[in-house]
Structure formats: C-alpha cells, structure tokens
Amino acid sequence: MTLVETRAKQFERRIFWRNAGEYLAAAVVAGLFALLAYRADAPLVRLGHLMVSAGAAWVLIFLWLMQRSRRMPSPESSTAAYKRALLAWYDRQILLTRNAWAWYVLPLGAGLVVSSLGHHHATGFKAFMAGLVAAVGVGVAIVNRKAARNIEAEKHELERLLENGGL
C-alpha cells in the first residue's frame, strides 16, 4: 500500500469515528431533549427543548446525507479519477467542518438559548445563560475552523505526494 493510500485510509477511519460519535451524541441529545420538552411546564422552555431535539435530529440526518453522497470511483477506474475523487472528499470534509456553525452549532444553540430564556429565573441569570450558550457556540465554531485548516494542510500534503507519484 502506498503512502497516499495509507493516509487516505487513516483519514477515512478518522471521519468514520467522528461521524459515529456524532450520530450517537445526536441520538442521545434528540431523545433527552424530547423527554425534557414533554416534562417542561413553561411553553418557552418546551419550545426550546423541542428545537434542540429537532436540531440534533437535523445534525444526524445532515451528516448521514453528506457521508452517503460520497462517490468513490470503482477500482477499475483510472488513477486520475481516483485522485480527483479523493481530493473532492477532502474538500467536502473541509467545507463540512468549516461550516459547522451553520448546520451544527446554530440548530442546537438556538434551542438552548430559547430554553434558557423560558426558565423561571432572574432576568440576569437568563441573559447570562443565553450568553454562555452563545459563547460556547462561538468557541465550537472557532475550533471547527481550526480543524478545517488542519484538514486543508493534510490535503495539500496529499496533493504534494500525488504530484510526486505517491500513488
């Protein structure tokens, strides 16, 4: 197995386990917040919990659709087709990671903010909790942007290897 194939397999394994963890977490969050919504007595809290549950379901479905739409060429195809498909898959992972704020943070964060505003606490505490959720969301978005840059660096290294006949 060449160095390119080894790196591609390692990347594929990493993405598989990342997605598996996200699927599990999204299923648990969707179920937990659906139960919390059922038990909530304040309408705004119930709405927020339902938004989180729906957001977690969206994350699960979106990741599954992104993974499912991956098209790798058959082993009989040309080396050029394999290289294009491999680099396109890296590009998709970069885009997915860079834009996690839109498909991951926002659907979950919005529900958490609504939920925190609906609790029977002092207004200052509600604002603090909403701000905390927003700050954590921004932090997650920043971490994902950094991860996207790391994937870009891996892709550039892979391109270098491919140019030097690594496949």
N, C-alpha and C. Protein backbone atom coordinates (compact mmCIF):
# COMPACT_ATOMS: atom_id res chain seq x y z
N MET A 1 0.85 -1.18 0.00
CA MET A 1 0.00 0.00 0.00
C MET A 1 0.89 1.24 0.00
N THR A 2 0.56 2.21 -0.85
CA THR A 2 1.38 3.41 -0.95
C THR A 2 1.08 4.35 0.22
N LEU A 3 1.93 5.34 0.34
CA LEU A 3 1.76 6.33 1.41
C LEU A 3 0.45 7.08 1.24
N VAL A 4 0.08 7.40 0.01
CA VAL A 4 -1.18 8.09 -0.25
C VAL A 4 -2.36 7.23 0.20
N GLU A 5 -2.34 5.96 -0.16
CA GLU A 5 -3.43 5.07 0.23
C GLU A 5 -3.51 4.92 1.75
N THR A 6 -2.35 4.85 2.39
CA THR A 6 -2.31 4.75 3.86
C THR A 6 -2.92 5.99 4.49
N ARG A 7 -2.51 7.16 4.01
CA ARG A 7 -3.06 8.42 4.56
C ARG A 7 -4.55 8.53 4.31
N ALA A 8 -4.98 8.13 3.12
CA ALA A 8 -6.40 8.20 2.79
C ALA A 8 -7.21 7.27 3.69
N LYS A 9 -6.70 6.07 3.95
CA LYS A 9 -7.38 5.12 4.85
C LYS A 9 -7.45 5.67 6.27
N GLN A 10 -6.36 6.28 6.73
CA GLN A 10 -6.34 6.86 8.08
C GLN A 10 -7.36 7.98 8.19
N PHE A 11 -7.42 8.83 7.16
CA PHE A 11 -8.37 9.93 7.14
C PHE A 11 -9.80 9.40 7.13
N GLU A 12 -10.02 8.39 6.30
CA GLU A 12 -11.34 7.78 6.22
C GLU A 12 -11.77 7.20 7.57
N ARG A 13 -10.86 6.54 8.26
CA ARG A 13 -11.15 5.98 9.59
C ARG A 13 -11.48 7.09 10.59
N ARG A 14 -10.70 8.16 10.54
CA ARG A 14 -10.95 9.29 11.45
C ARG A 14 -12.33 9.88 11.22
N ILE A 15 -12.70 10.06 9.96
CA ILE A 15 -14.01 10.61 9.64
C ILE A 15 -15.12 9.64 10.06
N PHE A 16 -14.90 8.36 9.85
CA PHE A 16 -15.88 7.35 10.26
C PHE A 16 -16.14 7.44 11.76
N TRP A 17 -15.09 7.48 12.56
CA TRP A 17 -15.27 7.50 14.02
C TRP A 17 -15.82 8.84 14.50
N ARG A 18 -15.44 9.94 13.82
CA ARG A 18 -16.04 11.23 14.17
C ARG A 18 -17.54 11.17 13.92
N ASN A 19 -17.93 10.67 12.76
CA ASN A 19 -19.35 10.59 12.43
C ASN A 19 -20.10 9.65 13.38
N ALA A 20 -19.48 8.51 13.70
CA ALA A 20 -20.13 7.57 14.63
C ALA A 20 -20.39 8.24 15.97
N GLY A 21 -19.42 8.98 16.48
CA GLY A 21 -19.60 9.70 17.73
C GLY A 21 -20.69 10.75 17.63
N GLU A 22 -20.72 11.46 16.51
CA GLU A 22 -21.76 12.48 16.30
C GLU A 22 -23.15 11.84 16.19
N TYR A 23 -23.24 10.71 15.50
CA TYR A 23 -24.54 10.02 15.39
C TYR A 23 -25.05 9.64 16.78
N LEU A 24 -24.18 9.05 17.57
CA LEU A 24 -24.57 8.62 18.92
C LEU A 24 -24.98 9.82 19.77
N ALA A 25 -24.14 10.86 19.77
CA ALA A 25 -24.44 12.05 20.57
C ALA A 25 -25.74 12.70 20.12
N ALA A 26 -25.95 12.81 18.81
CA ALA A 26 -27.17 13.43 18.30
C ALA A 26 -28.41 12.63 18.69
N ALA A 27 -28.31 11.31 18.63
CA ALA A 27 -29.46 10.47 19.01
C ALA A 27 -29.78 10.64 20.49
N VAL A 28 -28.75 10.66 21.33
CA VAL A 28 -28.96 10.83 22.77
C VAL A 28 -29.55 12.21 23.06
N VAL A 29 -28.99 13.26 22.45
CA VAL A 29 -29.48 14.62 22.68
C VAL A 29 -30.92 14.76 22.18
N ALA A 30 -31.22 14.22 21.01
CA ALA A 30 -32.59 14.31 20.47
C ALA A 30 -33.58 13.64 21.42
N GLY A 31 -33.24 12.45 21.88
CA GLY A 31 -34.13 11.74 22.79
C GLY A 31 -34.27 12.43 24.14
N LEU A 32 -33.15 12.85 24.70
CA LEU A 32 -33.16 13.51 26.02
C LEU A 32 -33.97 14.81 25.98
N PHE A 33 -33.74 15.63 24.97
CA PHE A 33 -34.44 16.90 24.92
C PHE A 33 -35.91 16.73 24.53
N ALA A 34 -36.26 15.68 23.82
CA ALA A 34 -37.67 15.40 23.57
C ALA A 34 -38.36 15.06 24.89
N LEU A 35 -37.69 14.26 25.73
CA LEU A 35 -38.23 13.93 27.05
C LEU A 35 -38.33 15.17 27.92
N LEU A 36 -37.30 16.00 27.90
CA LEU A 36 -37.34 17.25 28.68
C LEU A 36 -38.47 18.16 28.20
N ALA A 37 -38.70 18.20 26.89
CA ALA A 37 -39.79 19.02 26.35
C ALA A 37 -41.14 18.50 26.84
N TYR A 38 -41.28 17.20 26.86
CA TYR A 38 -42.52 16.58 27.33
C TYR A 38 -42.80 16.94 28.78
N ARG A 39 -41.73 17.01 29.57
CA ARG A 39 -41.89 17.27 31.01
C ARG A 39 -41.88 18.76 31.38
N ALA A 40 -41.53 19.63 30.43
CA ALA A 40 -41.42 21.07 30.74
C ALA A 40 -42.79 21.67 30.99
N ASP A 41 -42.85 22.58 31.99
CA ASP A 41 -44.13 23.23 32.27
C ASP A 41 -44.24 24.60 31.62
N ALA A 42 -43.13 25.24 31.32
CA ALA A 42 -43.16 26.56 30.68
C ALA A 42 -43.13 26.39 29.15
N PRO A 43 -44.02 27.08 28.45
CA PRO A 43 -44.10 26.92 27.00
C PRO A 43 -42.79 27.25 26.27
N LEU A 44 -42.10 28.30 26.71
CA LEU A 44 -40.85 28.69 26.05
C LEU A 44 -39.75 27.66 26.27
N VAL A 45 -39.74 27.08 27.46
CA VAL A 45 -38.78 26.01 27.75
C VAL A 45 -39.08 24.79 26.87
N ARG A 46 -40.36 24.45 26.78
CA ARG A 46 -40.77 23.32 25.95
C ARG A 46 -40.36 23.55 24.49
N LEU A 47 -40.63 24.76 24.00
CA LEU A 47 -40.26 25.10 22.62
C LEU A 47 -38.74 24.98 22.42
N GLY A 48 -37.98 25.52 23.36
CA GLY A 48 -36.52 25.44 23.25
C GLY A 48 -36.02 24.00 23.25
N HIS A 49 -36.57 23.18 24.12
CA HIS A 49 -36.16 21.77 24.16
C HIS A 49 -36.53 21.04 22.86
N LEU A 50 -37.71 21.35 22.33
CA LEU A 50 -38.11 20.75 21.04
C LEU A 50 -37.18 21.21 19.92
N MET A 51 -36.76 22.47 19.99
CA MET A 51 -35.82 22.98 18.98
C MET A 51 -34.47 22.26 19.07
N VAL A 52 -34.00 22.00 20.29
CA VAL A 52 -32.74 21.26 20.45
C VAL A 52 -32.91 19.84 19.94
N SER A 53 -34.01 19.21 20.27
CA SER A 53 -34.26 17.84 19.81
C SER A 53 -34.30 17.79 18.28
N ALA A 54 -35.02 18.71 17.68
CA ALA A 54 -35.09 18.77 16.21
C ALA A 54 -33.72 19.10 15.62
N GLY A 55 -32.98 19.98 16.28
CA GLY A 55 -31.64 20.33 15.81
C GLY A 55 -30.70 19.13 15.84
N ALA A 56 -30.80 18.33 16.89
CA ALA A 56 -29.96 17.13 16.98
C ALA A 56 -30.34 16.12 15.90
N ALA A 57 -31.64 16.00 15.64
CA ALA A 57 -32.08 15.11 14.57
C ALA A 57 -31.56 15.61 13.22
N TRP A 58 -31.59 16.93 13.03
CA TRP A 58 -31.06 17.53 11.80
C TRP A 58 -29.57 17.22 11.65
N VAL A 59 -28.79 17.37 12.71
CA VAL A 59 -27.36 17.07 12.65
C VAL A 59 -27.14 15.62 12.22
N LEU A 60 -27.88 14.72 12.81
CA LEU A 60 -27.75 13.30 12.48
C LEU A 60 -28.07 13.05 10.99
N ILE A 61 -29.18 13.59 10.53
CA ILE A 61 -29.59 13.40 9.14
C ILE A 61 -28.61 14.06 8.18
N PHE A 62 -28.20 15.28 8.50
CA PHE A 62 -27.29 16.02 7.62
C PHE A 62 -25.96 15.28 7.47
N LEU A 63 -25.39 14.82 8.58
CA LEU A 63 -24.13 14.08 8.49
C LEU A 63 -24.30 12.80 7.69
N TRP A 64 -25.40 12.10 7.91
CA TRP A 64 -25.65 10.86 7.18
C TRP A 64 -25.76 11.14 5.68
N LEU A 65 -26.47 12.20 5.31
CA LEU A 65 -26.61 12.55 3.89
C LEU A 65 -25.27 12.93 3.28
N MET A 66 -24.45 13.66 4.01
CA MET A 66 -23.13 14.06 3.50
C MET A 66 -22.24 12.85 3.29
N GLN A 67 -22.30 11.91 4.21
CA GLN A 67 -21.48 10.70 4.09
C GLN A 67 -22.00 9.81 2.97
N ARG A 68 -23.31 9.71 2.89
CA ARG A 68 -23.94 8.83 1.91
C ARG A 68 -23.69 9.30 0.48
N SER A 69 -23.54 10.59 0.28
CA SER A 69 -23.39 11.13 -1.07
C SER A 69 -21.95 11.02 -1.59
N ARG A 70 -21.08 10.45 -0.80
CA ARG A 70 -19.69 10.29 -1.24
C ARG A 70 -19.63 9.27 -2.37
N ARG A 71 -18.97 9.64 -3.43
CA ARG A 71 -18.86 8.77 -4.59
C ARG A 71 -17.39 8.50 -4.88
N MET A 72 -16.94 7.31 -4.53
CA MET A 72 -15.58 6.92 -4.87
C MET A 72 -15.64 6.09 -6.15
N PRO A 73 -14.68 6.29 -7.04
CA PRO A 73 -14.69 5.52 -8.29
C PRO A 73 -14.39 4.05 -8.03
N SER A 74 -14.80 3.23 -8.96
CA SER A 74 -14.54 1.80 -8.83
C SER A 74 -13.04 1.53 -8.97
N PRO A 75 -12.59 0.40 -8.45
CA PRO A 75 -11.17 0.08 -8.54
C PRO A 75 -10.66 0.00 -9.98
N GLU A 76 -11.57 -0.25 -10.92
CA GLU A 76 -11.16 -0.36 -12.32
C GLU A 76 -10.96 1.00 -12.98
N SER A 77 -11.38 2.08 -12.31
CA SER A 77 -11.27 3.40 -12.93
C SER A 77 -9.81 3.86 -12.96
N SER A 78 -9.60 4.95 -13.64
CA SER A 78 -8.24 5.45 -13.81
C SER A 78 -7.69 6.02 -12.50
N THR A 79 -6.38 6.12 -12.45
CA THR A 79 -5.71 6.73 -11.30
C THR A 79 -6.14 8.18 -11.16
N ALA A 80 -6.30 8.87 -12.29
CA ALA A 80 -6.72 10.27 -12.26
C ALA A 80 -8.11 10.42 -11.63
N ALA A 81 -9.03 9.51 -11.96
CA ALA A 81 -10.38 9.56 -11.38
C ALA A 81 -10.32 9.33 -9.88
N TYR A 82 -9.48 8.39 -9.45
CA TYR A 82 -9.33 8.13 -8.02
C TYR A 82 -8.78 9.36 -7.30
N LYS A 83 -7.76 9.99 -7.87
CA LYS A 83 -7.16 11.19 -7.26
C LYS A 83 -8.19 12.31 -7.15
N ARG A 84 -8.95 12.55 -8.23
CA ARG A 84 -9.98 13.60 -8.20
C ARG A 84 -11.01 13.33 -7.11
N ALA A 85 -11.46 12.07 -7.02
CA ALA A 85 -12.47 11.71 -6.03
C ALA A 85 -11.93 11.86 -4.61
N LEU A 86 -10.68 11.46 -4.41
CA LEU A 86 -10.06 11.57 -3.09
C LEU A 86 -9.94 13.03 -2.67
N LEU A 87 -9.45 13.87 -3.56
CA LEU A 87 -9.30 15.30 -3.25
C LEU A 87 -10.66 15.97 -3.06
N ALA A 88 -11.66 15.54 -3.83
CA ALA A 88 -13.02 16.09 -3.66
C ALA A 88 -13.58 15.73 -2.30
N TRP A 89 -13.26 14.51 -1.82
CA TRP A 89 -13.73 14.10 -0.50
C TRP A 89 -13.09 14.95 0.59
N TYR A 90 -11.80 15.24 0.45
CA TYR A 90 -11.14 16.15 1.39
C TYR A 90 -11.81 17.52 1.34
N ASP A 91 -12.10 18.02 0.14
CA ASP A 91 -12.76 19.32 0.02
C ASP A 91 -14.11 19.33 0.72
N ARG A 92 -14.86 18.24 0.59
CA ARG A 92 -16.17 18.15 1.24
C ARG A 92 -16.01 18.18 2.76
N GLN A 93 -15.03 17.46 3.30
CA GLN A 93 -14.81 17.45 4.74
C GLN A 93 -14.37 18.82 5.24
N ILE A 94 -13.57 19.52 4.44
CA ILE A 94 -13.15 20.88 4.80
C ILE A 94 -14.37 21.79 4.88
N LEU A 95 -15.21 21.73 3.85
CA LEU A 95 -16.42 22.55 3.82
C LEU A 95 -17.36 22.22 4.97
N LEU A 96 -17.55 20.94 5.22
CA LEU A 96 -18.43 20.48 6.30
C LEU A 96 -17.92 21.00 7.66
N THR A 97 -16.63 20.88 7.87
CA THR A 97 -16.04 21.30 9.15
C THR A 97 -16.04 22.82 9.29
N ARG A 98 -15.69 23.52 8.22
CA ARG A 98 -15.63 24.98 8.27
C ARG A 98 -17.01 25.57 8.54
N ASN A 99 -18.05 24.94 8.02
CA ASN A 99 -19.41 25.48 8.15
C ASN A 99 -20.23 24.81 9.25
N ALA A 100 -19.56 24.18 10.19
CA ALA A 100 -20.26 23.52 11.30
C ALA A 100 -21.11 24.50 12.09
N TRP A 101 -20.74 25.76 12.10
CA TRP A 101 -21.55 26.75 12.83
C TRP A 101 -22.98 26.79 12.27
N ALA A 102 -23.15 26.56 10.96
CA ALA A 102 -24.47 26.69 10.35
C ALA A 102 -25.32 25.43 10.50
N TRP A 103 -24.72 24.26 10.35
CA TRP A 103 -25.52 23.03 10.38
C TRP A 103 -25.47 22.32 11.72
N TYR A 104 -24.58 22.74 12.61
CA TYR A 104 -24.39 22.06 13.90
C TYR A 104 -24.66 23.01 15.07
N VAL A 105 -23.90 24.09 15.15
CA VAL A 105 -23.99 24.99 16.30
C VAL A 105 -25.32 25.73 16.32
N LEU A 106 -25.71 26.31 15.20
CA LEU A 106 -26.92 27.12 15.16
C LEU A 106 -28.19 26.34 15.50
N PRO A 107 -28.43 25.17 14.90
CA PRO A 107 -29.67 24.45 15.25
C PRO A 107 -29.75 24.04 16.72
N LEU A 108 -28.63 23.69 17.31
CA LEU A 108 -28.65 23.30 18.73
C LEU A 108 -28.63 24.53 19.63
N GLY A 109 -27.80 25.49 19.30
CA GLY A 109 -27.64 26.69 20.14
C GLY A 109 -28.90 27.52 20.22
N ALA A 110 -29.61 27.65 19.11
CA ALA A 110 -30.84 28.46 19.11
C ALA A 110 -31.85 27.89 20.11
N GLY A 111 -32.01 26.58 20.10
CA GLY A 111 -32.94 25.95 21.04
C GLY A 111 -32.51 26.11 22.48
N LEU A 112 -31.21 26.02 22.73
CA LEU A 112 -30.72 26.19 24.10
C LEU A 112 -30.94 27.62 24.59
N VAL A 113 -30.76 28.59 23.70
CA VAL A 113 -30.99 29.99 24.08
C VAL A 113 -32.47 30.20 24.39
N VAL A 114 -33.35 29.71 23.53
CA VAL A 114 -34.80 29.85 23.77
C VAL A 114 -35.18 29.19 25.08
N SER A 115 -34.66 28.00 25.30
CA SER A 115 -34.96 27.27 26.53
C SER A 115 -34.49 28.05 27.76
N SER A 116 -33.28 28.59 27.69
CA SER A 116 -32.75 29.31 28.86
C SER A 116 -33.56 30.58 29.14
N LEU A 117 -34.08 31.21 28.11
CA LEU A 117 -34.89 32.41 28.30
C LEU A 117 -36.27 32.09 28.87
N GLY A 118 -36.72 30.84 28.73
CA GLY A 118 -38.04 30.46 29.21
C GLY A 118 -38.08 30.00 30.66
N HIS A 119 -36.93 29.78 31.27
CA HIS A 119 -36.91 29.31 32.66
C HIS A 119 -37.34 30.40 33.63
N HIS A 120 -37.84 29.99 34.78
CA HIS A 120 -38.32 30.92 35.81
C HIS A 120 -37.17 31.35 36.71
N HIS A 121 -36.20 32.02 36.13
CA HIS A 121 -35.06 32.53 36.89
C HIS A 121 -35.03 34.05 36.73
N ALA A 122 -34.17 34.67 37.47
CA ALA A 122 -34.00 36.12 37.35
C ALA A 122 -33.53 36.45 35.93
N THR A 123 -33.94 37.62 35.47
CA THR A 123 -33.61 38.04 34.11
C THR A 123 -32.11 38.04 33.87
N GLY A 124 -31.35 38.46 34.84
CA GLY A 124 -29.89 38.49 34.70
C GLY A 124 -29.32 37.10 34.48
N PHE A 125 -29.86 36.13 35.20
CA PHE A 125 -29.38 34.75 35.05
C PHE A 125 -29.75 34.20 33.68
N LYS A 126 -30.96 34.52 33.20
CA LYS A 126 -31.38 34.09 31.87
C LYS A 126 -30.43 34.65 30.81
N ALA A 127 -30.13 35.92 30.94
CA ALA A 127 -29.23 36.57 29.98
C ALA A 127 -27.83 35.95 30.06
N PHE A 128 -27.39 35.67 31.28
CA PHE A 128 -26.07 35.02 31.44
C PHE A 128 -26.05 33.66 30.75
N MET A 129 -27.09 32.86 30.96
CA MET A 129 -27.14 31.53 30.36
C MET A 129 -27.20 31.61 28.83
N ALA A 130 -28.01 32.53 28.32
CA ALA A 130 -28.08 32.71 26.87
C ALA A 130 -26.73 33.14 26.32
N GLY A 131 -26.05 34.04 27.03
CA GLY A 131 -24.71 34.47 26.62
C GLY A 131 -23.70 33.34 26.68
N LEU A 132 -23.81 32.51 27.71
CA LEU A 132 -22.91 31.36 27.84
C LEU A 132 -23.09 30.38 26.67
N VAL A 133 -24.34 30.11 26.33
CA VAL A 133 -24.62 29.22 25.19
C VAL A 133 -24.03 29.82 23.91
N ALA A 134 -24.22 31.12 23.72
CA ALA A 134 -23.67 31.78 22.53
C ALA A 134 -22.15 31.72 22.53
N ALA A 135 -21.52 31.93 23.68
CA ALA A 135 -20.05 31.89 23.77
C ALA A 135 -19.52 30.49 23.47
N VAL A 136 -20.18 29.47 24.00
CA VAL A 136 -19.77 28.09 23.71
C VAL A 136 -19.94 27.80 22.22
N GLY A 137 -21.02 28.29 21.64
CA GLY A 137 -21.24 28.12 20.20
C GLY A 137 -20.15 28.76 19.38
N VAL A 138 -19.75 29.96 19.76
CA VAL A 138 -18.65 30.64 19.06
C VAL A 138 -17.36 29.84 19.23
N GLY A 139 -17.13 29.32 20.43
CA GLY A 139 -15.94 28.50 20.68
C GLY A 139 -15.92 27.25 19.81
N VAL A 140 -17.05 26.59 19.70
CA VAL A 140 -17.14 25.39 18.86
C VAL A 140 -16.88 25.76 17.39
N ALA A 141 -17.43 26.88 16.95
CA ALA A 141 -17.21 27.33 15.58
C ALA A 141 -15.73 27.61 15.32
N ILE A 142 -15.06 28.23 16.28
CA ILE A 142 -13.63 28.54 16.14
C ILE A 142 -12.81 27.25 16.08
N VAL A 143 -13.12 26.31 16.95
CA VAL A 143 -12.40 25.02 16.95
C VAL A 143 -12.59 24.32 15.61
N ASN A 144 -13.81 24.36 15.07
CA ASN A 144 -14.06 23.72 13.78
C ASN A 144 -13.35 24.43 12.63
N ARG A 145 -13.23 25.74 12.69
CA ARG A 145 -12.47 26.46 11.66
C ARG A 145 -11.00 26.03 11.69
N LYS A 146 -10.47 25.88 12.89
CA LYS A 146 -9.08 25.42 13.03
C LYS A 146 -8.94 23.99 12.49
N ALA A 147 -9.90 23.15 12.80
CA ALA A 147 -9.87 21.77 12.30
C ALA A 147 -9.94 21.76 10.77
N ALA A 148 -10.72 22.66 10.18
CA ALA A 148 -10.81 22.75 8.72
C ALA A 148 -9.45 23.14 8.13
N ARG A 149 -8.75 24.06 8.80
CA ARG A 149 -7.41 24.44 8.32
C ARG A 149 -6.45 23.26 8.41
N ASN A 150 -6.58 22.44 9.45
CA ASN A 150 -5.73 21.25 9.57
C ASN A 150 -6.02 20.25 8.45
N ILE A 151 -7.29 20.08 8.12
CA ILE A 151 -7.65 19.18 7.02
C ILE A 151 -7.12 19.73 5.70
N GLU A 152 -7.18 21.07 5.53
CA GLU A 152 -6.63 21.68 4.33
C GLU A 152 -5.13 21.40 4.22
N ALA A 153 -4.43 21.48 5.34
CA ALA A 153 -2.99 21.19 5.33
C ALA A 153 -2.75 19.73 4.95
N GLU A 154 -3.55 18.83 5.48
CA GLU A 154 -3.44 17.41 5.11
C GLU A 154 -3.68 17.22 3.62
N LYS A 155 -4.68 17.92 3.10
CA LYS A 155 -5.00 17.81 1.68
C LYS A 155 -3.82 18.30 0.84
N HIS A 156 -3.21 19.43 1.23
CA HIS A 156 -2.06 19.96 0.48
C HIS A 156 -0.89 18.98 0.51
N GLU A 157 -0.69 18.33 1.65
CA GLU A 157 0.37 17.31 1.74
C GLU A 157 0.03 16.13 0.83
N LEU A 158 -1.22 15.75 0.80
CA LEU A 158 -1.65 14.66 -0.07
C LEU A 158 -1.44 15.04 -1.54
N GLU A 159 -1.79 16.28 -1.89
CA GLU A 159 -1.58 16.74 -3.27
C GLU A 159 -0.10 16.69 -3.64
N ARG A 160 0.75 17.09 -2.70
CA ARG A 160 2.19 17.05 -2.93
C ARG A 160 2.64 15.61 -3.19
N LEU A 161 2.15 14.69 -2.37
CA LEU A 161 2.50 13.29 -2.55
C LEU A 161 2.01 12.76 -3.91
N LEU A 162 0.80 13.17 -4.28
CA LEU A 162 0.24 12.71 -5.55
C LEU A 162 1.06 13.25 -6.74
N GLU A 163 1.50 14.51 -6.63
CA GLU A 163 2.32 15.10 -7.69
C GLU A 163 3.66 14.39 -7.83
N ASN A 164 4.17 13.88 -6.71
CA ASN A 164 5.47 13.20 -6.72
C ASN A 164 5.33 11.71 -6.97
N GLY A 165 4.18 11.29 -7.47
CA GLY A 165 3.99 9.89 -7.82
C GLY A 165 3.74 8.98 -6.64
N GLY A 166 3.04 9.48 -5.62
CA GLY A 166 2.78 8.71 -4.41
C GLY A 166 1.71 7.65 -4.55
N LEU A 167 1.08 7.56 -5.71
CA LEU A 167 0.04 6.54 -5.88
C LEU A 167 0.46 5.52 -6.90
